[in-house]
Amino acid sequence: MSLRRLLAVRRSLRSPNGGELLALAGAVCLIVSLTLPWYENAEGKLSAWSTFGPAVVLLMLAAIAALVLVLATVTERTPALPVAAAVWGVPFGLLGVVAAIVRLLERPDHSTSLCAGAWLALAGAVAVLLGAWQSLRDERTSRYKPATPEPRRLPE
């Protein structure tokens, strides 16, 4: 790939703002939380995968929504797709927060305590929700100036 083409690709990327970065951090927290133990019982530690349920699916959807938001912000020239991704990121983030709270309150398989994964999932879901919400408040316009055509003269 030539240097000129590489620079053109680099110029076409938009930098994410604080909302998108917060949503990205939340998505990373959600993904990492799925690898950590969530509960502890007499038999040992349980992960999200060993107690898989609808709440875990909602948490994964929230992480995917945040990743789509960041990817749309970075790659799109116009603000239309990033705004749409942020609009969809808010309800998925809210569902993720509710799912994380349910997973904190529900203790499957006679669990006695919560581990770091459950708390990290809650923090990640809240970050996705707040990041998508903050992204909606972003009022950046497109990087290109609007066209200013010369006015037409009225026929005489």
Foldseek 3Di string as FASTA:
>chain_A
DDPVVVVVQVVQWDDDDPLLVLLQVLLVLLVVLQVDFWFADPVGTHGCVNVPDPLNVLLNVLSVLSVQLNVCRTRDQFCPSNLVSLVVNQVSLVSNLVSLVVSQVDDPPHTDDTDDSSVSSNSSSVSSNRSSVVSNVDDDGGPDDDDDDDDDDDDD
